[in-house]
Amino acid sequence: MSKKSQALAVLLVSTLAFTVCFMVWMMFGVIGIPIKKTLGLNATEFGLLTAMPVLTGSLIRVPLGIWTDKYGGRLVMTILMAITVPAIWLMSYATAYWHFLVIGLFVGLAGGSFSVGTPYVARWFPKNRQGFAMGVYGAGNSGAAVNKFVAPALVVAFGWAMVPKVYAAIMLGTVVLFWLLSASDPAHLVPSNTRFRDQLKMLKEPRVLKYCQYYSIVFGGYVALSLWMVQYYVGEFGLDIRTAALLAACFSLPGGVLRAVGGWLSDKYGAHSVTWWVLWVSWICLFLLSYPQTDFTVLTVGGPRTFHLGLNVYAFTGLMFLLGIAFAFGKASVFKYISDDYPTNIGTVSGIVGLAGGMGGFVLPIMFGALMDLTGIRSSAFMLMYGVVWVSLIWMYWTEVRRTEVMGRNAQAFSLQG
């Protein structure tokens, strides 16, 4: 098999593996709803339940990135997926709240797969196609949408306990398929005696910190909202779980699949331009999504008149769809920054940035739940996200945009036309 064919095979089978891992990682976004009802959980407890797998999937990303540089993505990915199978199966036998929290930590290891596949796939492609390759692999985020199609059907037909059993079987089959169809190249290994502590020193670099902030929005926000949206639709619009999951997939699906388009755009126009537009589109969408359902009375010459202001389910879903597209492009553009700035250290830096994004996905659902319990306003989740995007826009303006020439011969637009 030629190198080009090998690269394509690696990309396809790795994307499949990541899709399955992400589907498993997002499992609580659907089965958490019947579990919440059975255990009588409040919004904060539900947020913690959905966030537990995200915690371990985030914390393990840095060591996984280091091990991928050192031992190769094929071996690390296979072992990682195999380890999660028993934990996924055991989930169906959990009965107490702490059972779900503890087992969720082990299931969450599947989320670390991103830091394995990103450097593994990138090294099979030339520099000018790495953004696209990483974007295709990152489209495995659409596993969040696959979960919203598969899990509700299983819950309605057989009960929530069937979902972990089916997912464990799927993961086991994926382990076998990945090992058979993937390949390894010794030239891609990076000899390293660097310790875990030394790798974390990358966090001292201002650019890495900035990319962590960006990724905590476009990936952390994507994970958090993917976990939160099904129960949001059920509570806010009174939908049943299957309809709610279908509409929630309007955010999750473009947020995953279109990552490859974001990679292509980042290769063509640069990571900076794509990220800048992503943040502005996200800011506008989140501003509109933040507005709660409101009734207000105005005293007119004809007497008091009451008006209602708020998004209906169609406008809400349309805005979520746009937000999903923006997040998809943003996830790809952040990793284009990394491959441009740290070509020999992709595994380590992507692990650190992935850790920050994953921690955003862990903290945000808990904060969503706490804000809802505190204020009683469901859209407070979007108010929080709106504030976080504001921080990134200001940071990006002061560190990048102010230094970019927008007119004259050195302007980016001029050079693109020329």
Protein backbone atom coordinates (compact mmCIF):
# COMPACT_ATOMS: atom_id res chain seq x y z
CA MET A 1 0.00 0.00 0.00
CA SER A 2 1.33 3.46 -0.97
CA LYS A 3 1.95 6.17 1.62
CA LYS A 4 -0.98 8.17 0.24
CA SER A 5 -3.36 5.21 0.55
CA GLN A 6 -2.06 4.48 4.05
CA ALA A 7 -2.64 8.10 5.06
CA LEU A 8 -6.22 7.97 3.78
CA ALA A 9 -6.92 4.67 5.56
CA VAL A 10 -5.48 6.04 8.81
CA LEU A 11 -7.61 9.18 8.50
CA LEU A 12 -10.85 7.29 7.84
CA VAL A 13 -10.49 4.60 10.52
CA SER A 14 -9.24 7.13 13.08
CA THR A 15 -12.24 9.38 12.39
CA LEU A 16 -14.57 6.39 12.86
CA ALA A 17 -12.86 5.50 16.16
CA PHE A 18 -13.11 9.10 17.40
CA THR A 19 -16.81 9.26 16.45
CA VAL A 20 -17.54 6.17 18.55
CA CYS A 21 -15.45 7.50 21.46
CA PHE A 22 -17.27 10.82 21.37
CA MET A 23 -20.65 9.07 21.20
CA VAL A 24 -19.76 7.17 24.38
CA TRP A 25 -18.35 10.31 26.02
CA MET A 26 -21.65 12.19 25.48
CA MET A 27 -23.84 9.28 26.68
CA PHE A 28 -25.11 11.06 29.81
CA GLY A 29 -26.55 13.86 27.68
CA VAL A 30 -29.45 11.49 26.90
CA ILE A 31 -29.52 8.70 29.51
CA GLY A 32 -28.95 11.32 32.22
CA ILE A 33 -32.56 12.51 31.78
CA PRO A 34 -34.28 9.26 32.93
CA ILE A 35 -31.54 8.82 35.57
CA LYS A 36 -32.24 12.36 36.85
CA LYS A 37 -35.94 11.53 37.14
CA THR A 38 -35.30 8.18 38.87
CA LEU A 39 -32.84 9.61 41.41
CA GLY A 40 -34.64 12.94 41.88
CA LEU A 41 -31.59 15.09 41.02
CA ASN A 42 -31.60 18.89 40.91
CA ALA A 43 -30.02 20.88 38.05
CA THR A 44 -26.61 21.15 39.73
CA GLU A 45 -26.46 17.39 40.46
CA PHE A 46 -27.50 16.69 36.87
CA GLY A 47 -24.74 19.02 35.64
CA LEU A 48 -22.16 17.16 37.75
CA LEU A 49 -23.46 13.80 36.48
CA THR A 50 -23.06 14.79 32.82
CA ALA A 51 -19.69 16.42 33.48
CA MET A 52 -17.90 13.52 35.23
CA PRO A 53 -16.84 11.68 32.04
CA VAL A 54 -15.61 15.00 30.65
CA LEU A 55 -13.29 15.45 33.65
CA THR A 56 -11.16 12.33 33.08
CA GLY A 57 -11.35 12.68 29.31
CA SER A 58 -9.79 16.12 29.76
CA LEU A 59 -7.18 15.39 32.43
CA ILE A 60 -5.73 12.45 30.49
CA ARG A 61 -5.26 14.45 27.28
CA VAL A 62 -1.79 15.81 28.10
CA PRO A 63 -0.20 12.43 28.94
CA LEU A 64 -1.95 10.86 25.95
CA GLY A 65 -0.47 13.54 23.67
CA ILE A 66 3.00 12.84 25.09
CA TRP A 67 2.60 9.05 24.74
CA THR A 68 1.36 9.46 21.15
CA ASP A 69 4.51 11.43 20.26
CA LYS A 70 6.62 8.71 21.88
CA TYR A 71 4.86 5.39 21.12
CA GLY A 72 2.63 6.15 18.13
CA GLY A 73 -1.09 6.77 17.77
CA ARG A 74 -2.03 3.26 16.65
CA LEU A 75 -0.91 1.56 19.86
CA VAL A 76 -2.11 4.28 22.25
CA MET A 77 -5.57 4.59 20.64
CA THR A 78 -6.15 0.83 20.64
CA ILE A 79 -5.25 0.44 24.33
CA LEU A 80 -7.30 3.51 25.31
CA MET A 81 -10.48 2.26 23.62
CA ALA A 82 -10.05 -1.28 24.97
CA ILE A 83 -9.77 0.00 28.57
CA THR A 84 -13.15 1.77 28.37
CA VAL A 85 -15.20 -1.29 27.31
CA PRO A 86 -15.67 -2.88 30.81
CA ALA A 87 -16.59 0.49 32.36
CA ILE A 88 -19.20 1.20 29.68
CA TRP A 89 -20.79 -2.22 30.26
CA LEU A 90 -20.84 -1.78 34.06
CA MET A 91 -22.76 1.49 33.70
CA SER A 92 -25.96 -0.47 33.01
CA TYR A 93 -25.79 -2.03 36.50
CA ALA A 94 -25.37 1.25 38.43
CA THR A 95 -28.18 2.14 40.86
CA ALA A 96 -26.91 4.89 43.20
CA TYR A 97 -25.82 8.43 42.28
CA TRP A 98 -22.21 7.77 43.36
CA HIS A 99 -22.12 4.64 41.16
CA PHE A 100 -22.77 6.79 38.10
CA LEU A 101 -20.19 9.38 39.14
CA VAL A 102 -17.41 6.83 39.71
CA ILE A 103 -18.09 4.71 36.62
CA GLY A 104 -18.48 7.91 34.60
CA LEU A 105 -14.87 8.78 35.42
CA PHE A 106 -13.66 5.56 33.74
CA VAL A 107 -16.04 5.88 30.78
CA GLY A 108 -14.67 9.39 30.32
CA LEU A 109 -11.26 8.06 29.28
CA ALA A 110 -12.78 7.71 25.79
CA GLY A 111 -12.78 11.51 25.53
CA GLY A 112 -8.98 11.58 25.62
CA SER A 113 -8.91 10.00 22.17
CA PHE A 114 -8.79 13.42 20.53
CA SER A 115 -5.24 14.07 21.77
CA VAL A 116 -4.15 10.73 20.32
CA GLY A 117 -5.73 11.02 16.88
CA THR A 118 -4.84 14.65 16.18
CA PRO A 119 -1.02 14.26 16.08
CA TYR A 120 -1.35 10.69 14.74
CA VAL A 121 -3.37 11.82 11.72
CA ALA A 122 -1.53 15.14 11.17
CA ARG A 123 1.86 13.48 10.72
CA TRP A 124 0.57 11.43 7.77
CA PHE A 125 -0.11 14.60 5.75
CA PRO A 126 2.00 17.49 4.35
CA LYS A 127 1.86 20.81 6.21
CA ASN A 128 -0.45 22.51 3.71
CA ARG A 129 -3.09 19.77 4.24
CA GLN A 130 -2.75 19.24 7.97
CA GLY A 131 -5.56 21.68 8.80
CA PHE A 132 -7.94 19.77 6.55
CA ALA A 133 -6.79 16.36 7.86
CA MET A 134 -7.20 17.40 11.49
CA GLY A 135 -10.57 18.91 10.58
CA VAL A 136 -11.78 15.62 9.07
CA TYR A 137 -10.60 13.72 12.14
CA GLY A 138 -12.20 16.30 14.42
CA ALA A 139 -15.49 15.76 12.60
CA GLY A 140 -15.71 12.72 14.88
CA ASN A 141 -17.25 15.25 17.29
CA SER A 142 -20.44 14.39 15.39
CA GLY A 143 -20.54 11.33 17.68
CA ALA A 144 -22.45 13.73 19.98
CA ALA A 145 -25.18 13.89 17.31
CA VAL A 146 -25.05 10.12 16.67
CA ASN A 147 -25.66 9.64 20.39
CA LYS A 148 -28.78 11.81 20.10
CA PHE A 149 -30.15 9.59 17.32
CA VAL A 150 -29.25 6.19 18.81
CA ALA A 151 -29.66 6.60 22.59
CA PRO A 152 -33.25 8.01 22.67
CA ALA A 153 -34.49 5.15 20.47
CA LEU A 154 -32.87 2.60 22.80
CA VAL A 155 -34.22 4.39 25.91
CA VAL A 156 -37.80 4.42 24.59
CA ALA A 157 -37.66 0.81 23.34
CA PHE A 158 -35.68 -0.96 26.10
CA GLY A 159 -34.97 1.52 28.92
CA TRP A 160 -31.79 3.52 29.61
CA ALA A 161 -29.78 0.49 30.86
CA MET A 162 -29.66 -0.94 27.33
CA VAL A 163 -27.67 2.04 26.03
CA PRO A 164 -24.37 1.23 27.86
CA LYS A 165 -24.60 -2.43 26.80
CA VAL A 166 -25.02 -1.53 23.12
CA TYR A 167 -22.28 1.11 23.32
CA ALA A 168 -19.86 -1.36 24.94
CA ALA A 169 -20.41 -3.79 22.05
CA ILE A 170 -19.89 -1.02 19.48
CA MET A 171 -16.67 0.11 21.20
CA LEU A 172 -15.31 -3.45 21.25
CA GLY A 173 -15.98 -3.85 17.53
CA THR A 174 -14.29 -0.50 16.85
CA VAL A 175 -11.15 -1.58 18.75
CA VAL A 176 -10.77 -4.62 16.46
CA LEU A 177 -11.51 -2.64 13.29
CA PHE A 178 -9.07 0.15 14.19
CA TRP A 179 -6.20 -2.27 14.88
CA LEU A 180 -6.75 -4.11 11.60
CA LEU A 181 -7.07 -1.06 9.32
CA SER A 182 -4.68 1.49 10.88
CA ALA A 183 -0.92 1.69 10.33
CA SER A 184 2.20 2.99 12.08
CA ASP A 185 5.29 4.76 10.78
CA PRO A 186 8.42 4.79 12.98
CA ALA A 187 9.46 8.07 11.32
CA HIS A 188 6.50 9.77 13.04
CA LEU A 189 7.73 8.96 16.55
CA VAL A 190 9.35 11.75 18.54
CA PRO A 191 12.14 10.50 20.85
CA SER A 192 11.49 12.17 24.16
CA ASN A 193 12.71 11.85 27.71
CA THR A 194 10.63 14.84 28.71
CA ARG A 195 8.61 14.44 31.87
CA PHE A 196 4.98 15.31 32.38
CA ARG A 197 5.95 18.32 34.50
CA ASP A 198 8.27 19.64 31.78
CA GLN A 199 5.54 19.42 29.16
CA LEU A 200 3.19 21.50 31.32
CA LYS A 201 5.75 24.32 31.15
CA MET A 202 4.21 25.07 27.73
CA LEU A 203 1.39 26.69 29.71
CA LYS A 204 3.77 29.56 30.47
CA GLU A 205 3.70 30.57 26.81
CA PRO A 206 1.13 33.35 26.24
CA ARG A 207 0.14 31.96 22.83
CA VAL A 208 -0.66 28.53 24.29
CA LEU A 209 -2.75 30.14 27.04
CA LYS A 210 -4.66 32.13 24.43
CA TYR A 211 -5.37 29.01 22.36
CA CYS A 212 -6.56 27.30 25.55
CA GLN A 213 -9.03 30.15 26.08
CA TYR A 214 -10.33 29.96 22.50
CA TYR A 215 -10.70 26.19 22.69
CA SER A 216 -12.50 26.30 26.03
CA ILE A 217 -15.26 28.13 24.11
CA VAL A 218 -15.45 26.35 20.77
CA PHE A 219 -14.86 22.85 22.16
CA GLY A 220 -15.72 23.22 25.85
CA GLY A 221 -18.88 25.12 24.96
CA TYR A 222 -19.74 22.53 22.31
CA VAL A 223 -19.38 19.64 24.77
CA ALA A 224 -21.30 21.44 27.52
CA LEU A 225 -24.19 22.46 25.28
CA SER A 226 -24.33 19.00 23.66
CA LEU A 227 -24.79 17.53 27.16
CA TRP A 228 -27.25 20.23 28.24
CA MET A 229 -29.50 20.73 25.22
CA VAL A 230 -31.76 17.65 25.36
CA GLN A 231 -32.95 18.40 28.90
CA TYR A 232 -33.15 22.13 27.96
CA TYR A 233 -35.60 21.37 25.14
CA VAL A 234 -37.60 19.06 27.42
CA GLY A 235 -37.84 21.70 30.19
CA GLU A 236 -38.13 24.90 28.12
CA PHE A 237 -40.43 23.74 25.32
CA GLY A 238 -42.12 20.67 26.88
CA LEU A 239 -40.92 18.21 24.19
CA ASP A 240 -40.57 14.45 24.59
CA ILE A 241 -37.04 13.00 24.74
CA ARG A 242 -36.90 11.79 21.11
CA THR A 243 -38.04 15.12 19.62
CA ALA A 244 -35.76 17.03 22.00
CA ALA A 245 -32.78 14.88 21.01
CA LEU A 246 -33.54 15.32 17.31
CA LEU A 247 -33.63 19.12 17.62
CA ALA A 248 -30.53 19.13 19.85
CA ALA A 249 -28.73 17.26 17.05
CA CYS A 250 -29.23 20.38 14.88
CA PHE A 251 -26.46 21.89 17.02
CA SER A 252 -24.32 18.78 17.58
CA LEU A 253 -24.25 17.53 13.97
CA PRO A 254 -22.93 20.66 12.18
CA GLY A 255 -20.73 21.29 15.22
CA GLY A 256 -18.96 18.02 14.43
CA VAL A 257 -19.25 17.32 10.70
CA LEU A 258 -18.34 20.81 9.46
CA ARG A 259 -15.04 20.82 11.34
CA ALA A 260 -13.41 19.54 8.13
CA VAL A 261 -14.68 22.64 6.28
CA GLY A 262 -13.21 24.77 9.05
CA GLY A 263 -9.88 23.02 8.54
CA TRP A 264 -9.98 23.77 4.81
CA LEU A 265 -10.88 27.43 5.43
CA SER A 266 -8.06 27.71 7.98
CA ASP A 267 -5.56 26.30 5.47
CA LYS A 268 -6.75 28.81 2.85
CA TYR A 269 -7.37 32.01 4.84
CA GLY A 270 -5.35 31.43 8.00
CA ALA A 271 -6.26 30.49 11.54
CA HIS A 272 -6.50 34.12 12.69
CA SER A 273 -9.17 35.23 10.18
CA VAL A 274 -11.37 32.18 10.74
CA THR A 275 -11.16 32.41 14.55
CA TRP A 276 -11.96 36.15 14.57
CA TRP A 277 -15.17 35.62 12.56
CA VAL A 278 -16.11 32.56 14.62
CA LEU A 279 -15.99 34.57 17.84
CA TRP A 280 -18.15 37.37 16.43
CA VAL A 281 -20.81 35.00 15.06
CA SER A 282 -20.84 33.13 18.40
CA TRP A 283 -21.19 36.43 20.29
CA ILE A 284 -24.26 37.47 18.25
CA CYS A 285 -25.95 34.05 18.53
CA LEU A 286 -25.34 33.81 22.28
CA PHE A 287 -26.65 37.35 22.84
CA LEU A 288 -29.98 36.39 21.23
CA LEU A 289 -30.10 32.98 22.96
CA SER A 290 -29.51 34.62 26.35
CA TYR A 291 -32.81 36.48 26.36
CA PRO A 292 -35.29 34.66 28.67
CA GLN A 293 -39.00 34.22 27.98
CA THR A 294 -40.38 37.59 29.10
CA ASP A 295 -43.86 39.10 29.58
CA PHE A 296 -44.01 42.86 30.13
CA THR A 297 -46.86 45.35 30.49
CA VAL A 298 -46.88 48.81 28.90
CA LEU A 299 -49.32 51.55 29.96
CA THR A 300 -50.76 52.94 26.73
CA VAL A 301 -53.41 55.64 26.14
CA GLY A 302 -55.89 52.82 25.70
CA GLY A 303 -54.91 51.16 28.96
CA PRO A 304 -52.29 48.53 29.94
CA ARG A 305 -51.11 46.17 27.20
CA THR A 306 -49.06 43.02 27.80
CA PHE A 307 -46.40 41.85 25.35
CA HIS A 308 -44.45 38.60 25.17
CA LEU A 309 -40.80 38.50 24.12
CA GLY A 310 -38.86 35.29 23.68
CA LEU A 311 -37.53 32.76 21.17
CA ASN A 312 -39.88 30.05 19.93
CA VAL A 313 -38.54 26.55 19.33
CA TYR A 314 -37.86 27.22 15.62
CA ALA A 315 -35.88 30.44 16.12
CA PHE A 316 -34.01 28.85 19.03
CA THR A 317 -33.04 25.80 16.93
CA GLY A 318 -31.97 28.02 14.01
CA LEU A 319 -29.63 30.01 16.25
CA MET A 320 -28.24 26.81 17.77
CA PHE A 321 -27.58 25.52 14.24
CA LEU A 322 -25.58 28.67 13.40
CA LEU A 323 -23.71 28.42 16.69
CA GLY A 324 -22.84 24.79 15.92
CA ILE A 325 -21.36 25.80 12.55
CA ALA A 326 -19.30 28.58 14.18
CA PHE A 327 -17.97 26.22 16.85
CA ALA A 328 -17.06 23.63 14.18
CA PHE A 329 -14.97 26.16 12.25
CA GLY A 330 -13.42 27.45 15.48
CA LYS A 331 -12.33 24.00 16.66
CA ALA A 332 -10.46 23.49 13.40
CA SER A 333 -8.90 26.98 13.31
CA VAL A 334 -7.45 26.66 16.83
CA PHE A 335 -5.61 23.48 15.84
CA LYS A 336 -4.39 25.16 12.67
CA TYR A 337 -2.77 27.76 14.96
CA ILE A 338 -1.05 24.89 16.81
CA SER A 339 0.22 23.07 13.70
CA ASP A 340 1.56 26.41 12.36
CA ASP A 341 3.26 27.53 15.58
CA TYR A 342 4.42 24.18 17.06
CA PRO A 343 4.98 21.77 14.12
CA THR A 344 7.42 19.53 16.03
CA ASN A 345 5.39 19.48 19.23
CA ILE A 346 1.81 18.99 18.02
CA GLY A 347 1.06 16.12 20.39
CA THR A 348 2.07 17.96 23.56
CA VAL A 349 0.50 21.33 22.72
CA SER A 350 -2.70 19.77 21.38
CA GLY A 351 -2.88 17.76 24.61
CA ILE A 352 -2.62 20.93 26.71
CA VAL A 353 -5.12 22.89 24.58
CA GLY A 354 -7.41 19.84 24.49
CA LEU A 355 -7.17 19.65 28.27
CA ALA A 356 -8.30 23.28 28.55
CA GLY A 357 -11.19 22.68 26.14
CA GLY A 358 -12.22 19.54 27.98
CA MET A 359 -12.08 21.30 31.34
CA GLY A 360 -14.39 23.92 29.87
CA GLY A 361 -16.74 21.06 28.98
CA PHE A 362 -16.48 19.80 32.57
CA VAL A 363 -16.96 23.11 34.41
CA LEU A 364 -19.66 24.64 32.20
CA PRO A 365 -22.45 22.03 32.73
CA ILE A 366 -21.97 22.30 36.51
CA MET A 367 -22.14 26.10 36.25
CA PHE A 368 -25.21 25.85 33.99
CA GLY A 369 -26.95 23.76 36.67
CA ALA A 370 -25.84 26.01 39.54
CA LEU A 371 -27.02 29.16 37.71
CA MET A 372 -30.36 27.56 36.92
CA ASP A 373 -30.87 26.49 40.55
CA LEU A 374 -29.82 29.98 41.69
CA THR A 375 -31.79 32.14 39.23
CA GLY A 376 -34.49 29.82 37.95
CA ILE A 377 -33.70 31.08 34.42
CA ARG A 378 -32.79 28.37 31.89
CA SER A 379 -31.19 30.79 29.44
CA SER A 380 -28.64 31.78 32.12
CA ALA A 381 -26.46 29.08 30.51
CA PHE A 382 -26.22 31.23 27.37
CA MET A 383 -25.64 34.38 29.43
CA LEU A 384 -22.57 32.70 30.92
CA MET A 385 -21.28 31.61 27.49
CA TYR A 386 -21.87 35.13 26.13
CA GLY A 387 -19.61 36.57 28.84
CA VAL A 388 -16.86 34.04 28.12
CA VAL A 389 -16.91 34.88 24.39
CA TRP A 390 -16.60 38.59 25.26
CA VAL A 391 -13.35 37.83 27.13
CA SER A 392 -11.91 36.02 24.10
CA LEU A 393 -12.91 38.77 21.68
CA ILE A 394 -11.18 41.41 23.81
CA TRP A 395 -8.09 39.21 24.26
CA MET A 396 -7.85 38.49 20.54
CA TYR A 397 -8.29 42.17 19.67
CA TRP A 398 -5.45 43.33 21.93
CA THR A 399 -3.00 40.53 21.05
CA GLU A 400 -3.69 39.99 17.33
CA VAL A 401 -6.15 42.32 15.62
CA ARG A 402 -4.50 45.58 16.73
CA ARG A 403 -1.21 44.34 15.23
CA THR A 404 -2.75 43.33 11.90
CA GLU A 405 -2.56 45.76 9.01
CA VAL A 406 -5.99 46.01 7.42
CA MET A 407 -5.07 48.39 4.58
CA GLY A 408 -2.03 48.72 2.35
CA ARG A 409 0.27 46.25 0.60
CA ASN A 410 0.89 44.11 3.70
CA ALA A 411 -2.78 43.65 4.53
CA GLN A 412 -3.99 40.07 4.51
CA ALA A 413 -6.91 40.80 2.19
CA PHE A 414 -4.53 42.44 -0.30
CA SER A 415 -2.12 39.52 -0.25
CA LEU A 416 -4.95 37.02 -0.76
CA GLN A 417 -6.16 38.87 -3.85
CA GLY A 418 -2.65 39.28 -5.16
